[in-house]
Each structure stands twice: as structure tokens, then as C-alpha cells.
Amino acid sequence: MMSANPRHTAHSARARYWLQTRLLTVLLLAFWAALVFGTLFFARELATIDFFGWNLSFYMLAQGLTLSFVLILAVYSVGMRWIAYRYGKD
């Protein structure tokens, strides 16, 4: 009976680590692109909605997208920390 090749096991763990890292990055980039595109594409419709006395399109472009970028960075940081912990890369 043959034992598992440690080099093969390490390679597959590394491949899973990078697969999950790329998946998290692609998902967050897609979310970012959808936010930017959606806000710009629907700016006229969003301008009819008032939000704290400002047009929602102005608020989203001036403040909302900036806050969403910070949220995306926080999610990325927590996600990468979890992935690193899971694969012992602390």
C-alpha cells in the first residue's frame, strides 16, 4: 500500500488556496463593477429619489460608492484572513 505523496498533497492545498483567493477577488470585483455600472446607468432614475435632501444619484456617487469600497475592502480582509487561517498561512 502506497502512502500519499506529501508533495502532491501540498500542491493540491496550494492550488485550493489560490483558487479560493481568486474566487473571492473575482466576486468582489464583480460586485464593485455592478455597483459602479448600476449607479451610473440608473443615475437619471436615482435622481428622482431624495436621500437626506440630496438626489440619490449624487449621494451614491459622492458618498455611497466610497462607503461600499470600504466595505469591499473589509470583506476582502476578513475573507483573506479566513482563507489564510484555513490553510495555515498565518
N, C-alpha and C. Protein backbone atom coordinates (compact mmCIF):
# COMPACT_ATOMS: atom_id res chain seq x y z
N MET A 1 0.84 -1.18 0.00
CA MET A 1 0.00 0.00 0.00
C MET A 1 0.88 1.24 0.00
N MET A 2 0.61 2.15 -0.89
CA MET A 2 1.41 3.37 -1.00
C MET A 2 0.84 4.48 -0.13
N SER A 3 1.72 5.26 0.44
CA SER A 3 1.27 6.41 1.22
C SER A 3 1.08 7.60 0.27
N ALA A 4 0.32 8.58 0.74
CA ALA A 4 0.07 9.77 -0.08
C ALA A 4 1.36 10.56 -0.25
N ASN A 5 1.56 11.04 -1.41
CA ASN A 5 2.74 11.83 -1.71
C ASN A 5 2.59 13.20 -1.04
N PRO A 6 3.47 13.57 -0.09
CA PRO A 6 3.32 14.87 0.58
C PRO A 6 3.46 16.05 -0.38
N ARG A 7 4.26 15.88 -1.41
CA ARG A 7 4.43 16.96 -2.37
C ARG A 7 3.12 17.19 -3.13
N HIS A 8 2.45 16.10 -3.50
CA HIS A 8 1.16 16.20 -4.20
C HIS A 8 0.11 16.83 -3.28
N THR A 9 0.09 16.44 -2.01
CA THR A 9 -0.87 16.98 -1.05
C THR A 9 -0.63 18.48 -0.86
N ALA A 10 0.62 18.86 -0.74
CA ALA A 10 0.94 20.28 -0.58
C ALA A 10 0.56 21.07 -1.82
N HIS A 11 0.78 20.46 -2.98
CA HIS A 11 0.43 21.14 -4.23
C HIS A 11 -1.07 21.34 -4.33
N SER A 12 -1.85 20.33 -3.97
CA SER A 12 -3.30 20.47 -4.07
C SER A 12 -3.82 21.48 -3.05
N ALA A 13 -3.24 21.54 -1.86
CA ALA A 13 -3.64 22.53 -0.86
C ALA A 13 -3.31 23.93 -1.36
N ARG A 14 -2.14 24.08 -1.98
CA ARG A 14 -1.76 25.38 -2.54
C ARG A 14 -2.70 25.78 -3.67
N ALA A 15 -3.06 24.82 -4.50
CA ALA A 15 -3.98 25.10 -5.61
C ALA A 15 -5.36 25.51 -5.08
N ARG A 16 -5.84 24.83 -4.03
CA ARG A 16 -7.13 25.22 -3.44
C ARG A 16 -7.06 26.59 -2.80
N TYR A 17 -5.93 26.89 -2.14
CA TYR A 17 -5.74 28.21 -1.53
C TYR A 17 -5.85 29.32 -2.59
N TRP A 18 -5.13 29.15 -3.70
CA TRP A 18 -5.14 30.18 -4.73
C TRP A 18 -6.47 30.21 -5.48
N LEU A 19 -7.14 29.08 -5.60
CA LEU A 19 -8.47 29.06 -6.22
C LEU A 19 -9.45 29.88 -5.37
N GLN A 20 -9.44 29.67 -4.08
CA GLN A 20 -10.33 30.43 -3.21
C GLN A 20 -9.96 31.91 -3.17
N THR A 21 -8.67 32.22 -3.21
CA THR A 21 -8.24 33.62 -3.24
C THR A 21 -8.72 34.31 -4.51
N ARG A 22 -8.54 33.64 -5.65
CA ARG A 22 -9.00 34.23 -6.91
C ARG A 22 -10.52 34.35 -6.96
N LEU A 23 -11.22 33.36 -6.43
CA LEU A 23 -12.68 33.40 -6.42
C LEU A 23 -13.19 34.58 -5.59
N LEU A 24 -12.63 34.78 -4.42
CA LEU A 24 -13.00 35.92 -3.58
C LEU A 24 -12.73 37.23 -4.31
N THR A 25 -11.57 37.34 -4.93
CA THR A 25 -11.21 38.56 -5.65
C THR A 25 -12.15 38.82 -6.81
N VAL A 26 -12.45 37.81 -7.59
CA VAL A 26 -13.33 37.97 -8.75
C VAL A 26 -14.74 38.35 -8.30
N LEU A 27 -15.24 37.71 -7.25
CA LEU A 27 -16.58 38.04 -6.76
C LEU A 27 -16.67 39.48 -6.27
N LEU A 28 -15.67 39.93 -5.54
CA LEU A 28 -15.68 41.30 -5.04
C LEU A 28 -15.50 42.31 -6.17
N LEU A 29 -14.69 41.99 -7.16
CA LEU A 29 -14.55 42.88 -8.32
C LEU A 29 -15.84 42.95 -9.12
N ALA A 30 -16.54 41.83 -9.25
CA ALA A 30 -17.82 41.84 -9.96
C ALA A 30 -18.85 42.66 -9.19
N PHE A 31 -18.86 42.55 -7.88
CA PHE A 31 -19.76 43.36 -7.06
C PHE A 31 -19.44 44.85 -7.22
N TRP A 32 -18.16 45.19 -7.20
CA TRP A 32 -17.73 46.58 -7.39
C TRP A 32 -18.16 47.10 -8.76
N ALA A 33 -17.94 46.31 -9.80
CA ALA A 33 -18.31 46.74 -11.16
C ALA A 33 -19.82 46.91 -11.27
N ALA A 34 -20.60 46.02 -10.66
CA ALA A 34 -22.06 46.14 -10.71
C ALA A 34 -22.53 47.40 -9.99
N LEU A 35 -21.91 47.72 -8.86
CA LEU A 35 -22.28 48.95 -8.15
C LEU A 35 -21.99 50.19 -8.99
N VAL A 36 -20.79 50.26 -9.54
CA VAL A 36 -20.42 51.44 -10.33
C VAL A 36 -21.29 51.53 -11.58
N PHE A 37 -21.40 50.44 -12.31
CA PHE A 37 -22.20 50.46 -13.54
C PHE A 37 -23.66 50.76 -13.24
N GLY A 38 -24.20 50.11 -12.21
CA GLY A 38 -25.61 50.33 -11.87
C GLY A 38 -25.90 51.76 -11.46
N THR A 39 -25.01 52.35 -10.66
CA THR A 39 -25.21 53.73 -10.24
C THR A 39 -25.13 54.68 -11.42
N LEU A 40 -24.17 54.49 -12.30
CA LEU A 40 -24.05 55.38 -13.46
C LEU A 40 -25.15 55.15 -14.49
N PHE A 41 -25.53 53.90 -14.70
CA PHE A 41 -26.54 53.58 -15.70
C PHE A 41 -27.93 54.08 -15.28
N PHE A 42 -28.23 53.98 -13.99
CA PHE A 42 -29.54 54.39 -13.49
C PHE A 42 -29.51 55.75 -12.80
N ALA A 43 -28.55 56.59 -13.15
CA ALA A 43 -28.40 57.89 -12.48
C ALA A 43 -29.64 58.76 -12.65
N ARG A 44 -30.25 58.78 -13.81
CA ARG A 44 -31.44 59.61 -14.01
C ARG A 44 -32.60 59.14 -13.15
N GLU A 45 -32.80 57.84 -13.09
CA GLU A 45 -33.88 57.31 -12.26
C GLU A 45 -33.61 57.53 -10.77
N LEU A 46 -32.34 57.41 -10.37
CA LEU A 46 -31.99 57.63 -8.97
C LEU A 46 -32.09 59.09 -8.58
N ALA A 47 -31.99 59.99 -9.56
CA ALA A 47 -32.06 61.43 -9.28
C ALA A 47 -33.45 61.86 -8.83
N THR A 48 -34.46 61.05 -9.09
CA THR A 48 -35.82 61.41 -8.68
C THR A 48 -36.08 61.07 -7.22
N ILE A 49 -35.18 60.34 -6.57
CA ILE A 49 -35.35 59.94 -5.18
C ILE A 49 -34.49 60.84 -4.30
N ASP A 50 -35.11 61.44 -3.28
CA ASP A 50 -34.36 62.28 -2.34
C ASP A 50 -33.85 61.44 -1.19
N PHE A 51 -32.60 61.70 -0.80
CA PHE A 51 -31.97 61.00 0.31
C PHE A 51 -31.27 62.03 1.17
N PHE A 52 -31.82 62.34 2.33
CA PHE A 52 -31.31 63.38 3.22
C PHE A 52 -31.18 64.72 2.51
N GLY A 53 -32.13 65.03 1.66
CA GLY A 53 -32.14 66.31 0.96
C GLY A 53 -31.31 66.35 -0.31
N TRP A 54 -30.67 65.28 -0.66
CA TRP A 54 -29.85 65.20 -1.88
C TRP A 54 -30.48 64.18 -2.82
N ASN A 55 -30.22 64.35 -4.10
CA ASN A 55 -30.62 63.31 -5.06
C ASN A 55 -29.84 62.04 -4.75
N LEU A 56 -30.52 60.91 -4.83
CA LEU A 56 -29.86 59.64 -4.50
C LEU A 56 -28.69 59.36 -5.43
N SER A 57 -28.78 59.75 -6.69
CA SER A 57 -27.65 59.51 -7.61
C SER A 57 -26.43 60.31 -7.18
N PHE A 58 -26.63 61.56 -6.76
CA PHE A 58 -25.50 62.37 -6.29
C PHE A 58 -24.91 61.75 -5.02
N TYR A 59 -25.80 61.36 -4.09
CA TYR A 59 -25.32 60.77 -2.85
C TYR A 59 -24.55 59.48 -3.11
N MET A 60 -25.09 58.62 -3.98
CA MET A 60 -24.41 57.35 -4.26
C MET A 60 -23.04 57.58 -4.90
N LEU A 61 -22.95 58.54 -5.81
CA LEU A 61 -21.66 58.78 -6.46
C LEU A 61 -20.68 59.48 -5.52
N ALA A 62 -21.18 60.38 -4.67
CA ALA A 62 -20.29 61.14 -3.80
C ALA A 62 -19.93 60.38 -2.53
N GLN A 63 -20.88 59.67 -1.94
CA GLN A 63 -20.63 59.03 -0.65
C GLN A 63 -20.84 57.52 -0.67
N GLY A 64 -21.91 57.09 -1.29
CA GLY A 64 -22.29 55.67 -1.22
C GLY A 64 -21.27 54.73 -1.81
N LEU A 65 -20.72 55.08 -2.97
CA LEU A 65 -19.73 54.20 -3.58
C LEU A 65 -18.44 54.16 -2.77
N THR A 66 -18.08 55.29 -2.18
CA THR A 66 -16.88 55.31 -1.34
C THR A 66 -17.08 54.40 -0.14
N LEU A 67 -18.24 54.48 0.48
CA LEU A 67 -18.53 53.60 1.62
C LEU A 67 -18.58 52.14 1.19
N SER A 68 -19.11 51.88 0.00
CA SER A 68 -19.14 50.49 -0.47
C SER A 68 -17.74 49.97 -0.77
N PHE A 69 -16.83 50.83 -1.24
CA PHE A 69 -15.45 50.40 -1.46
C PHE A 69 -14.79 50.02 -0.14
N VAL A 70 -15.06 50.79 0.91
CA VAL A 70 -14.52 50.46 2.23
C VAL A 70 -15.10 49.13 2.71
N LEU A 71 -16.37 48.90 2.47
CA LEU A 71 -17.00 47.63 2.84
C LEU A 71 -16.37 46.48 2.05
N ILE A 72 -16.12 46.68 0.78
CA ILE A 72 -15.48 45.64 -0.04
C ILE A 72 -14.09 45.32 0.49
N LEU A 73 -13.33 46.35 0.89
CA LEU A 73 -12.01 46.12 1.47
C LEU A 73 -12.10 45.35 2.78
N ALA A 74 -13.11 45.65 3.60
CA ALA A 74 -13.28 44.94 4.86
C ALA A 74 -13.63 43.48 4.61
N VAL A 75 -14.52 43.22 3.66
CA VAL A 75 -14.90 41.84 3.32
C VAL A 75 -13.69 41.09 2.78
N TYR A 76 -12.90 41.75 1.94
CA TYR A 76 -11.70 41.11 1.39
C TYR A 76 -10.71 40.77 2.51
N SER A 77 -10.52 41.69 3.43
CA SER A 77 -9.59 41.45 4.52
C SER A 77 -10.03 40.28 5.39
N VAL A 78 -11.31 40.26 5.75
CA VAL A 78 -11.82 39.17 6.58
C VAL A 78 -11.78 37.85 5.80
N GLY A 79 -12.15 37.89 4.53
CA GLY A 79 -12.13 36.68 3.71
C GLY A 79 -10.73 36.12 3.54
N MET A 80 -9.77 36.98 3.29
CA MET A 80 -8.39 36.52 3.12
C MET A 80 -7.81 36.00 4.43
N ARG A 81 -8.20 36.63 5.53
CA ARG A 81 -7.73 36.15 6.83
C ARG A 81 -8.29 34.75 7.11
N TRP A 82 -9.57 34.53 6.74
CA TRP A 82 -10.19 33.22 6.93
C TRP A 82 -9.52 32.17 6.04
N ILE A 83 -9.27 32.54 4.78
CA ILE A 83 -8.62 31.59 3.85
C ILE A 83 -7.20 31.27 4.35
N ALA A 84 -6.47 32.28 4.80
CA ALA A 84 -5.10 32.04 5.30
C ALA A 84 -5.14 31.16 6.56
N TYR A 85 -6.09 31.42 7.43
CA TYR A 85 -6.22 30.59 8.64
C TYR A 85 -6.55 29.15 8.27
N ARG A 86 -7.44 28.97 7.31
CA ARG A 86 -7.87 27.64 6.91
C ARG A 86 -6.71 26.81 6.35
N TYR A 87 -5.79 27.47 5.66
CA TYR A 87 -4.67 26.74 5.05
C TYR A 87 -3.36 26.93 5.82
N GLY A 88 -3.43 27.48 7.02
CA GLY A 88 -2.26 27.59 7.87
C GLY A 88 -1.20 28.54 7.36
N LYS A 89 -1.62 29.66 6.76
CA LYS A 89 -0.65 30.60 6.20
C LYS A 89 -0.56 31.88 7.05
N ASP A 90 -0.86 31.78 8.34
CA ASP A 90 -0.81 32.96 9.21
C ASP A 90 0.59 33.49 9.35
